[in-house]
């Protein structure tokens, strides 16, 4: 079982930056693929970024590539999302997700993830 708690959301002006954190409980964190998803009002949840167990593989949605960076610290059982050059269209609730431990895939759809945090709101004003 993995429990996740996001933090770091808030209100920022367009062009600004935020760093989201996701703290995980459980001894299996270091063997879980981790990801960030987001959901804007009236829209479906969408993939943002994912990172493999060791951090050696990362994947990004085209809409955030070059602006967002996902990273992890297995010693701190945490995953991060550095968001730069934010745009109003980045406004959403951001969710941290974990796959079942020891799976080799790095999924880009929400059905591939078994554990979810409660989400943190990010609002980008124009």
Foldseek 3Di string as FASTA:
>chain_A
DKAKAKDWADEEAAQAKTKMKIAIDDPQLLQKKKFKWWDDPPGDIFGAKIAGSVRPDMDGDPVQPPFWDWDDDVVRSMIMIIGGRDDQVVWTWMKMFIADGNDGDTDGDPVRTDYIYPTDTHGYHD
